[in-house]
Amino acid sequence: MAGDPDVTLRAVERLRYFIESGITSAHARLWLTTPYFVPGEAILAAIASAAHRGVDVRLLVPHKTDSIWVDAASRTYHDELLAAGAQIYLYESPMLHAKTAIVDDALAIVGTANLDNRSFRLNFEVVAAFYGGQCVADLARAFEVDLAHAKPQLRREARSPFAQRLLGSAARLLAPQL
């Protein structure tokens, strides 16, 4: 039924399911670029699982976004992913706005969706998927070019000032709304 809220929710969440399945299918490479990284538990677990499996997981996020709350929430996920073996890079130039995923040599996703709940539930995002071929290779090269403008993120949560950790904890509680 068109008016059934369960049907609408499933339709809206198809994008999250698609991206999550791409992440879980990675065998060698998972390179993600997103300006807003506030993943739900399923996406976070899928990325961490890929890193634990030995997949080359690289996450490229901006050093600073236009939202203090998104920045604070996003940083709370970094240590968990670093501990799993993922590499996180902070883009140093002006706001990074690319939204891409490269999975092995098999799949590239580019579009309007961030890796956050708002994109997956509220914002009616759109993506294009490319299966193999030159487009996947071109997007991988573009990712590497962007990495040249980024610095690797190191474990930092324990060294962060108390006020920053407090803000991060509060922002993490708000993460489903960010």
N, C-alpha and C. Protein backbone atom coordinates (compact mmCIF):
# COMPACT_ATOMS: atom_id res chain seq x y z
N MET A 1 0.83 -1.18 0.00
CA MET A 1 0.00 0.00 0.00
C MET A 1 0.87 1.24 0.00
N ALA A 2 0.50 2.23 -0.77
CA ALA A 2 1.30 3.45 -0.87
C ALA A 2 1.35 4.20 0.45
N GLY A 3 0.29 4.18 1.23
CA GLY A 3 0.26 4.94 2.47
C GLY A 3 0.80 4.18 3.68
N ASP A 4 1.15 2.93 3.51
CA ASP A 4 1.65 2.11 4.61
C ASP A 4 3.03 2.61 5.04
N PRO A 5 3.18 3.08 6.30
CA PRO A 5 4.48 3.62 6.75
C PRO A 5 5.60 2.60 6.68
N ASP A 6 5.30 1.31 6.87
CA ASP A 6 6.35 0.29 6.79
C ASP A 6 6.89 0.18 5.37
N VAL A 7 6.01 0.26 4.38
CA VAL A 7 6.44 0.20 2.98
C VAL A 7 7.29 1.41 2.66
N THR A 8 6.87 2.60 3.10
CA THR A 8 7.63 3.83 2.85
C THR A 8 8.99 3.75 3.51
N LEU A 9 9.08 3.29 4.74
CA LEU A 9 10.35 3.18 5.43
C LEU A 9 11.28 2.24 4.67
N ARG A 10 10.76 1.10 4.25
CA ARG A 10 11.60 0.16 3.49
C ARG A 10 12.09 0.80 2.21
N ALA A 11 11.26 1.56 1.52
CA ALA A 11 11.67 2.21 0.27
C ALA A 11 12.77 3.24 0.55
N VAL A 12 12.63 4.01 1.61
CA VAL A 12 13.62 5.02 1.96
C VAL A 12 14.93 4.36 2.35
N GLU A 13 14.87 3.23 3.03
CA GLU A 13 16.09 2.58 3.51
C GLU A 13 16.80 1.75 2.45
N ARG A 14 16.26 1.65 1.26
CA ARG A 14 16.90 0.86 0.22
C ARG A 14 18.32 1.34 -0.06
N LEU A 15 18.53 2.63 -0.03
CA LEU A 15 19.87 3.17 -0.27
C LEU A 15 20.85 2.69 0.79
N ARG A 16 20.44 2.72 2.05
CA ARG A 16 21.31 2.23 3.12
C ARG A 16 21.61 0.76 2.92
N TYR A 17 20.60 -0.03 2.57
CA TYR A 17 20.82 -1.45 2.33
C TYR A 17 21.79 -1.67 1.18
N PHE A 18 21.66 -0.89 0.14
CA PHE A 18 22.54 -1.03 -1.02
C PHE A 18 23.99 -0.71 -0.64
N ILE A 19 24.20 0.40 0.03
CA ILE A 19 25.56 0.79 0.43
C ILE A 19 26.12 -0.21 1.43
N GLU A 20 25.31 -0.63 2.37
CA GLU A 20 25.76 -1.62 3.34
C GLU A 20 26.16 -2.93 2.66
N SER A 21 25.41 -3.35 1.67
CA SER A 21 25.76 -4.59 0.97
C SER A 21 27.05 -4.42 0.18
N GLY A 22 27.27 -3.24 -0.37
CA GLY A 22 28.54 -2.97 -1.04
C GLY A 22 29.71 -3.05 -0.07
N ILE A 23 29.54 -2.48 1.10
CA ILE A 23 30.59 -2.50 2.12
C ILE A 23 30.88 -3.94 2.54
N THR A 24 29.84 -4.71 2.79
CA THR A 24 30.06 -6.08 3.26
C THR A 24 30.61 -7.00 2.18
N SER A 25 30.50 -6.62 0.91
CA SER A 25 31.02 -7.45 -0.17
C SER A 25 32.50 -7.20 -0.46
N ALA A 26 33.10 -6.19 0.17
CA ALA A 26 34.50 -5.86 -0.11
C ALA A 26 35.43 -6.99 0.31
N HIS A 27 36.37 -7.31 -0.58
CA HIS A 27 37.37 -8.34 -0.29
C HIS A 27 38.77 -7.74 -0.19
N ALA A 28 39.08 -6.75 -1.02
CA ALA A 28 40.43 -6.19 -1.06
C ALA A 28 40.46 -4.71 -0.70
N ARG A 29 39.47 -3.95 -1.18
CA ARG A 29 39.53 -2.50 -1.02
C ARG A 29 38.13 -1.94 -0.73
N LEU A 30 38.09 -1.03 0.24
CA LEU A 30 36.89 -0.26 0.54
C LEU A 30 37.34 1.16 0.84
N TRP A 31 37.16 2.05 -0.12
CA TRP A 31 37.56 3.44 0.03
C TRP A 31 36.30 4.29 0.04
N LEU A 32 36.10 5.04 1.11
CA LEU A 32 34.89 5.83 1.30
C LEU A 32 35.24 7.30 1.46
N THR A 33 34.50 8.16 0.80
CA THR A 33 34.63 9.60 0.96
C THR A 33 33.26 10.14 1.35
N THR A 34 33.21 10.91 2.43
CA THR A 34 31.95 11.51 2.84
C THR A 34 32.21 12.76 3.67
N PRO A 35 31.48 13.83 3.43
CA PRO A 35 31.65 15.02 4.25
C PRO A 35 31.06 14.87 5.65
N TYR A 36 29.98 14.09 5.76
CA TYR A 36 29.34 13.89 7.06
C TYR A 36 29.36 12.40 7.38
N PHE A 37 30.18 12.02 8.35
CA PHE A 37 30.31 10.62 8.73
C PHE A 37 29.73 10.43 10.12
N VAL A 38 28.45 10.09 10.16
CA VAL A 38 27.75 9.78 11.40
C VAL A 38 26.92 8.52 11.11
N PRO A 39 27.62 7.37 10.99
CA PRO A 39 26.94 6.16 10.53
C PRO A 39 26.04 5.55 11.60
N GLY A 40 25.04 4.84 11.14
CA GLY A 40 24.26 4.02 12.06
C GLY A 40 25.09 2.81 12.45
N GLU A 41 24.59 2.05 13.40
CA GLU A 41 25.34 0.90 13.91
C GLU A 41 25.62 -0.15 12.83
N ALA A 42 24.68 -0.37 11.91
CA ALA A 42 24.88 -1.39 10.88
C ALA A 42 26.01 -1.00 9.93
N ILE A 43 26.05 0.24 9.49
CA ILE A 43 27.11 0.70 8.59
C ILE A 43 28.45 0.69 9.33
N LEU A 44 28.46 1.17 10.56
CA LEU A 44 29.69 1.17 11.36
C LEU A 44 30.23 -0.26 11.52
N ALA A 45 29.35 -1.19 11.86
CA ALA A 45 29.76 -2.58 12.03
C ALA A 45 30.26 -3.17 10.72
N ALA A 46 29.64 -2.83 9.61
CA ALA A 46 30.07 -3.35 8.31
C ALA A 46 31.46 -2.84 7.95
N ILE A 47 31.72 -1.57 8.20
CA ILE A 47 33.04 -1.00 7.90
C ILE A 47 34.10 -1.63 8.81
N ALA A 48 33.81 -1.72 10.11
CA ALA A 48 34.76 -2.31 11.05
C ALA A 48 35.01 -3.78 10.70
N SER A 49 33.98 -4.50 10.32
CA SER A 49 34.11 -5.90 9.94
C SER A 49 35.02 -6.05 8.72
N ALA A 50 34.85 -5.18 7.75
CA ALA A 50 35.71 -5.22 6.56
C ALA A 50 37.17 -5.01 6.96
N ALA A 51 37.42 -4.05 7.84
CA ALA A 51 38.79 -3.80 8.30
C ALA A 51 39.34 -5.01 9.04
N HIS A 52 38.53 -5.61 9.89
CA HIS A 52 38.95 -6.81 10.63
C HIS A 52 39.27 -7.97 9.68
N ARG A 53 38.57 -8.04 8.55
CA ARG A 53 38.83 -9.11 7.57
C ARG A 53 40.09 -8.86 6.76
N GLY A 54 40.73 -7.72 6.96
CA GLY A 54 41.95 -7.41 6.22
C GLY A 54 41.73 -6.60 4.96
N VAL A 55 40.52 -6.12 4.75
CA VAL A 55 40.23 -5.25 3.61
C VAL A 55 40.96 -3.92 3.82
N ASP A 56 41.48 -3.35 2.76
CA ASP A 56 42.12 -2.03 2.81
C ASP A 56 41.01 -0.98 2.94
N VAL A 57 40.68 -0.63 4.18
CA VAL A 57 39.60 0.32 4.44
C VAL A 57 40.22 1.70 4.66
N ARG A 58 39.80 2.64 3.83
CA ARG A 58 40.24 4.03 3.95
C ARG A 58 39.00 4.91 3.96
N LEU A 59 38.95 5.76 4.94
CA LEU A 59 37.84 6.70 5.08
C LEU A 59 38.40 8.11 4.96
N LEU A 60 37.90 8.87 4.01
CA LEU A 60 38.32 10.25 3.79
C LEU A 60 37.18 11.17 4.20
N VAL A 61 37.44 11.95 5.25
CA VAL A 61 36.44 12.88 5.78
C VAL A 61 37.09 14.25 5.95
N PRO A 62 36.31 15.31 6.01
CA PRO A 62 36.91 16.63 6.20
C PRO A 62 37.48 16.79 7.60
N HIS A 63 38.53 17.58 7.70
CA HIS A 63 39.08 17.94 9.01
C HIS A 63 38.02 18.70 9.81
N LYS A 64 37.26 19.53 9.11
CA LYS A 64 36.22 20.33 9.75
C LYS A 64 35.08 20.52 8.76
N THR A 65 33.85 20.33 9.27
CA THR A 65 32.66 20.57 8.44
C THR A 65 32.04 21.90 8.83
N ASP A 66 30.83 22.12 8.35
CA ASP A 66 30.10 23.34 8.71
C ASP A 66 29.22 23.14 9.94
N SER A 67 29.39 22.00 10.64
CA SER A 67 28.56 21.71 11.81
C SER A 67 29.42 21.19 12.96
N ILE A 68 29.47 21.91 14.05
CA ILE A 68 30.24 21.48 15.21
C ILE A 68 29.70 20.16 15.77
N TRP A 69 28.38 19.95 15.69
CA TRP A 69 27.77 18.73 16.20
C TRP A 69 28.14 17.52 15.35
N VAL A 70 28.13 17.68 14.03
CA VAL A 70 28.53 16.59 13.15
C VAL A 70 30.00 16.27 13.36
N ASP A 71 30.84 17.30 13.46
CA ASP A 71 32.27 17.08 13.70
C ASP A 71 32.49 16.29 14.98
N ALA A 72 31.82 16.71 16.04
CA ALA A 72 32.00 16.06 17.34
C ALA A 72 31.51 14.62 17.31
N ALA A 73 30.36 14.39 16.70
CA ALA A 73 29.82 13.02 16.62
C ALA A 73 30.72 12.15 15.74
N SER A 74 31.14 12.68 14.62
CA SER A 74 31.96 11.91 13.69
C SER A 74 33.24 11.42 14.35
N ARG A 75 33.89 12.27 15.11
CA ARG A 75 35.16 11.89 15.75
C ARG A 75 34.99 10.74 16.73
N THR A 76 33.79 10.56 17.27
CA THR A 76 33.60 9.47 18.25
C THR A 76 33.66 8.09 17.60
N TYR A 77 33.56 8.02 16.29
CA TYR A 77 33.63 6.73 15.58
C TYR A 77 35.06 6.39 15.16
N HIS A 78 35.94 7.37 15.15
CA HIS A 78 37.27 7.17 14.60
C HIS A 78 38.08 6.12 15.32
N ASP A 79 38.17 6.19 16.65
CA ASP A 79 39.01 5.25 17.39
C ASP A 79 38.57 3.81 17.18
N GLU A 80 37.26 3.57 17.13
CA GLU A 80 36.77 2.21 16.92
C GLU A 80 37.21 1.68 15.55
N LEU A 81 37.13 2.51 14.54
CA LEU A 81 37.53 2.07 13.20
C LEU A 81 39.04 1.93 13.09
N LEU A 82 39.78 2.84 13.71
CA LEU A 82 41.24 2.72 13.71
C LEU A 82 41.68 1.44 14.41
N ALA A 83 41.04 1.12 15.52
CA ALA A 83 41.36 -0.10 16.26
C ALA A 83 41.06 -1.34 15.43
N ALA A 84 40.07 -1.26 14.55
CA ALA A 84 39.71 -2.40 13.68
C ALA A 84 40.69 -2.55 12.52
N GLY A 85 41.49 -1.52 12.28
CA GLY A 85 42.46 -1.59 11.19
C GLY A 85 42.15 -0.67 10.03
N ALA A 86 41.11 0.12 10.13
CA ALA A 86 40.79 1.09 9.08
C ALA A 86 41.77 2.26 9.15
N GLN A 87 41.93 2.93 8.03
CA GLN A 87 42.72 4.15 7.99
C GLN A 87 41.76 5.31 7.77
N ILE A 88 41.95 6.37 8.54
CA ILE A 88 41.09 7.55 8.41
C ILE A 88 41.97 8.72 8.04
N TYR A 89 41.53 9.47 7.04
CA TYR A 89 42.27 10.63 6.56
C TYR A 89 41.38 11.87 6.70
N LEU A 90 41.99 12.94 7.21
CA LEU A 90 41.28 14.20 7.39
C LEU A 90 41.69 15.15 6.27
N TYR A 91 40.73 15.51 5.45
CA TYR A 91 40.96 16.39 4.31
C TYR A 91 41.19 17.80 4.82
N GLU A 92 42.31 18.38 4.44
CA GLU A 92 42.74 19.66 5.02
C GLU A 92 42.26 20.89 4.26
N SER A 93 41.97 20.77 3.00
CA SER A 93 41.56 21.92 2.21
C SER A 93 40.16 22.36 2.60
N PRO A 94 39.60 23.33 1.89
CA PRO A 94 38.22 23.71 2.21
C PRO A 94 37.30 22.49 2.17
N MET A 95 36.11 22.66 2.60
CA MET A 95 35.14 21.58 2.80
C MET A 95 35.18 20.52 1.70
N LEU A 96 35.38 19.30 2.09
CA LEU A 96 35.30 18.15 1.19
C LEU A 96 33.82 17.84 0.99
N HIS A 97 33.40 17.75 -0.25
CA HIS A 97 31.97 17.52 -0.47
C HIS A 97 31.69 16.26 -1.30
N ALA A 98 32.74 15.51 -1.66
CA ALA A 98 32.55 14.29 -2.45
C ALA A 98 31.88 13.21 -1.60
N LYS A 99 31.10 12.39 -2.27
CA LYS A 99 30.43 11.26 -1.61
C LYS A 99 30.61 10.07 -2.53
N THR A 100 31.62 9.25 -2.21
CA THR A 100 31.94 8.12 -3.06
C THR A 100 32.24 6.88 -2.23
N ALA A 101 32.09 5.74 -2.86
CA ALA A 101 32.50 4.46 -2.29
C ALA A 101 33.11 3.65 -3.42
N ILE A 102 34.28 3.08 -3.16
CA ILE A 102 34.95 2.22 -4.13
C ILE A 102 35.15 0.88 -3.46
N VAL A 103 34.59 -0.15 -4.04
CA VAL A 103 34.66 -1.50 -3.49
C VAL A 103 35.42 -2.37 -4.48
N ASP A 104 36.63 -2.80 -4.04
CA ASP A 104 37.49 -3.61 -4.89
C ASP A 104 37.65 -2.92 -6.24
N ASP A 105 37.71 -3.68 -7.31
CA ASP A 105 37.71 -3.11 -8.67
C ASP A 105 36.33 -3.30 -9.29
N ALA A 106 35.38 -3.70 -8.45
CA ALA A 106 34.09 -4.15 -8.96
C ALA A 106 32.98 -3.12 -8.91
N LEU A 107 33.04 -2.18 -7.95
CA LEU A 107 31.89 -1.30 -7.74
C LEU A 107 32.36 0.08 -7.31
N ALA A 108 31.75 1.09 -7.88
CA ALA A 108 31.93 2.47 -7.42
C ALA A 108 30.55 3.09 -7.29
N ILE A 109 30.37 3.82 -6.20
CA ILE A 109 29.11 4.51 -5.94
C ILE A 109 29.43 5.99 -5.78
N VAL A 110 28.72 6.83 -6.47
CA VAL A 110 28.90 8.27 -6.34
C VAL A 110 27.51 8.90 -6.35
N GLY A 111 27.29 9.90 -5.51
CA GLY A 111 25.98 10.52 -5.47
C GLY A 111 25.87 11.57 -4.40
N THR A 112 24.67 11.75 -3.91
CA THR A 112 24.39 12.82 -2.95
C THR A 112 24.37 12.33 -1.50
N ALA A 113 24.45 11.03 -1.28
CA ALA A 113 24.26 10.47 0.06
C ALA A 113 25.53 10.50 0.89
N ASN A 114 25.44 11.08 2.07
CA ASN A 114 26.49 11.00 3.08
C ASN A 114 26.33 9.67 3.82
N LEU A 115 27.32 9.32 4.62
CA LEU A 115 27.20 8.13 5.47
C LEU A 115 26.65 8.57 6.82
N ASP A 116 25.38 8.93 6.81
CA ASP A 116 24.69 9.35 8.03
C ASP A 116 23.21 9.01 7.94
N ASN A 117 22.56 9.03 9.08
CA ASN A 117 21.15 8.65 9.14
C ASN A 117 20.24 9.61 8.37
N ARG A 118 20.56 10.88 8.36
CA ARG A 118 19.72 11.84 7.63
C ARG A 118 19.68 11.49 6.14
N SER A 119 20.82 11.15 5.59
CA SER A 119 20.86 10.80 4.17
C SER A 119 20.05 9.54 3.89
N PHE A 120 20.11 8.59 4.81
CA PHE A 120 19.45 7.32 4.57
C PHE A 120 17.97 7.32 4.93
N ARG A 121 17.53 8.25 5.75
CA ARG A 121 16.13 8.21 6.19
C ARG A 121 15.31 9.43 5.84
N LEU A 122 15.94 10.58 5.68
CA LEU A 122 15.16 11.80 5.53
C LEU A 122 15.36 12.54 4.21
N ASN A 123 16.53 12.42 3.62
CA ASN A 123 16.91 13.36 2.56
C ASN A 123 16.70 12.89 1.12
N PHE A 124 16.05 11.81 0.86
CA PHE A 124 15.76 11.38 -0.51
C PHE A 124 16.96 11.55 -1.43
N GLU A 125 18.04 10.89 -1.08
CA GLU A 125 19.29 10.98 -1.82
C GLU A 125 19.25 10.10 -3.06
N VAL A 126 20.20 10.33 -3.95
CA VAL A 126 20.31 9.54 -5.17
C VAL A 126 21.79 9.22 -5.40
N VAL A 127 22.05 8.01 -5.90
CA VAL A 127 23.42 7.62 -6.22
C VAL A 127 23.44 6.93 -7.57
N ALA A 128 24.62 6.92 -8.16
CA ALA A 128 24.85 6.13 -9.37
C ALA A 128 25.85 5.03 -9.01
N ALA A 129 25.61 3.84 -9.50
CA ALA A 129 26.49 2.71 -9.24
C ALA A 129 27.13 2.29 -10.55
N PHE A 130 28.44 2.07 -10.49
CA PHE A 130 29.20 1.63 -11.65
C PHE A 130 29.83 0.29 -11.32
N TYR A 131 29.60 -0.67 -12.15
CA TYR A 131 30.11 -2.02 -11.91
C TYR A 131 31.30 -2.27 -12.83
N GLY A 132 32.50 -2.30 -12.22
CA GLY A 132 33.72 -2.56 -12.96
C GLY A 132 34.04 -1.50 -13.98
N GLY A 133 35.12 -1.71 -14.70
CA GLY A 133 35.45 -0.84 -15.82
C GLY A 133 36.19 0.42 -15.46
N GLN A 134 36.27 1.27 -16.44
CA GLN A 134 37.07 2.50 -16.36
C GLN A 134 36.55 3.48 -15.31
N CYS A 135 35.27 3.56 -15.12
CA CYS A 135 34.72 4.51 -14.15
C CYS A 135 35.19 4.18 -12.73
N VAL A 136 35.22 2.91 -12.39
CA VAL A 136 35.70 2.51 -11.06
C VAL A 136 37.17 2.90 -10.91
N ALA A 137 37.97 2.63 -11.94
CA ALA A 137 39.39 2.99 -11.91
C ALA A 137 39.58 4.50 -11.81
N ASP A 138 38.78 5.28 -12.55
CA ASP A 138 38.88 6.74 -12.51
C ASP A 138 38.52 7.29 -11.13
N LEU A 139 37.47 6.75 -10.52
CA LEU A 139 37.09 7.21 -9.18
C LEU A 139 38.13 6.82 -8.13
N ALA A 140 38.78 5.68 -8.31
CA ALA A 140 39.85 5.28 -7.40
C ALA A 140 41.03 6.26 -7.52
N ARG A 141 41.36 6.65 -8.75
CA ARG A 141 42.43 7.63 -8.93
C ARG A 141 42.05 8.98 -8.32
N ALA A 142 40.82 9.40 -8.47
CA ALA A 142 40.37 10.66 -7.87
C ALA A 142 40.47 10.60 -6.35
N PHE A 143 40.13 9.46 -5.78
CA PHE A 143 40.26 9.27 -4.34
C PHE A 143 41.72 9.45 -3.92
N GLU A 144 42.64 8.86 -4.66
CA GLU A 144 44.06 8.98 -4.33
C GLU A 144 44.54 10.42 -4.45
N VAL A 145 44.04 11.17 -5.41
CA VAL A 145 44.38 12.58 -5.54
C VAL A 145 43.89 13.35 -4.31
N ASP A 146 42.68 13.06 -3.87
CA ASP A 146 42.15 13.72 -2.67
C ASP A 146 42.97 13.36 -1.43
N LEU A 147 43.46 12.13 -1.36
CA LEU A 147 44.29 11.72 -0.22
C LEU A 147 45.55 12.56 -0.09
N ALA A 148 46.03 13.09 -1.22
CA ALA A 148 47.23 13.93 -1.19
C ALA A 148 46.98 15.23 -0.43
N HIS A 149 45.72 15.58 -0.23
CA HIS A 149 45.35 16.81 0.50
C HIS A 149 44.84 16.49 1.91
N ALA A 150 45.16 15.30 2.39
CA ALA A 150 44.65 14.86 3.69
C ALA A 150 45.80 14.37 4.57
N LYS A 151 45.53 14.37 5.86
CA LYS A 151 46.49 13.86 6.83
C LYS A 151 45.89 12.64 7.53
N PRO A 152 46.71 11.62 7.80
CA PRO A 152 46.16 10.45 8.49
C PRO A 152 45.72 10.79 9.91
N GLN A 153 44.60 10.23 10.30
CA GLN A 153 44.08 10.40 11.66
C GLN A 153 44.71 9.33 12.54
N LEU A 154 45.20 9.72 13.68
CA LEU A 154 45.76 8.79 14.63
C LEU A 154 44.81 8.64 15.80
N ARG A 155 44.98 7.60 16.60
CA ARG A 155 44.15 7.46 17.80
C ARG A 155 44.28 8.71 18.64
N ARG A 156 43.16 9.20 19.09
CA ARG A 156 43.23 10.48 19.79
C ARG A 156 42.27 10.63 20.94
N GLU A 157 41.24 9.83 21.01
CA GLU A 157 40.18 10.04 22.00
C GLU A 157 40.72 10.16 23.42
N ALA A 158 41.63 9.30 23.81
CA ALA A 158 42.14 9.34 25.18
C ALA A 158 42.96 10.60 25.44
N ARG A 159 43.53 11.18 24.38
CA ARG A 159 44.35 12.39 24.54
C ARG A 159 43.53 13.66 24.40
N SER A 160 42.30 13.56 24.01
CA SER A 160 41.48 14.74 23.79
C SER A 160 41.16 15.42 25.11
N PRO A 161 41.04 16.74 25.09
CA PRO A 161 40.63 17.44 26.31
C PRO A 161 39.23 16.98 26.75
N PHE A 162 39.00 17.05 28.05
CA PHE A 162 37.74 16.58 28.62
C PHE A 162 36.54 17.26 27.96
N ALA A 163 36.60 18.56 27.73
CA ALA A 163 35.47 19.28 27.13
C ALA A 163 35.16 18.74 25.73
N GLN A 164 36.19 18.41 24.99
CA GLN A 164 35.99 17.87 23.64
C GLN A 164 35.36 16.48 23.71
N ARG A 165 35.80 15.66 24.64
CA ARG A 165 35.20 14.32 24.80
C ARG A 165 33.76 14.43 25.26
N LEU A 166 33.46 15.39 26.15
CA LEU A 166 32.09 15.61 26.61
C LEU A 166 31.19 16.03 25.46
N LEU A 167 31.67 16.96 24.63
CA LEU A 167 30.90 17.39 23.46
C LEU A 167 30.68 16.21 22.52
N GLY A 168 31.73 15.40 22.33
CA GLY A 168 31.60 14.23 21.47
C GLY A 168 30.57 13.25 21.99
N SER A 169 30.57 13.03 23.30
CA SER A 169 29.59 12.11 23.89
C SER A 169 28.17 12.63 23.71
N ALA A 170 27.98 13.93 23.91
CA ALA A 170 26.65 14.53 23.72
C ALA A 170 26.23 14.43 22.26
N ALA A 171 27.16 14.72 21.36
CA ALA A 171 26.84 14.66 19.93
C ALA A 171 26.52 13.23 19.50
N ARG A 172 27.22 12.27 20.07
CA ARG A 172 26.97 10.86 19.71
C ARG A 172 25.55 10.46 20.11
N LEU A 173 25.07 10.98 21.24
CA LEU A 173 23.69 10.72 21.64
C LEU A 173 22.69 11.28 20.63
N LEU A 174 23.06 12.38 20.00
CA LEU A 174 22.20 13.03 19.01
C LEU A 174 22.40 12.47 17.61
N ALA A 175 23.36 11.55 17.44
CA ALA A 175 23.74 11.07 16.11
C ALA A 175 22.57 10.64 15.22
N PRO A 176 21.56 9.96 15.75
CA PRO A 176 20.45 9.58 14.86
C PRO A 176 19.72 10.78 14.25
N GLN A 177 19.88 11.95 14.84
CA GLN A 177 19.20 13.15 14.34
C GLN A 177 20.11 13.99 13.44
N LEU A 178 21.39 13.70 13.46
CA LEU A 178 22.35 14.53 12.70
C LEU A 178 22.42 14.14 11.24
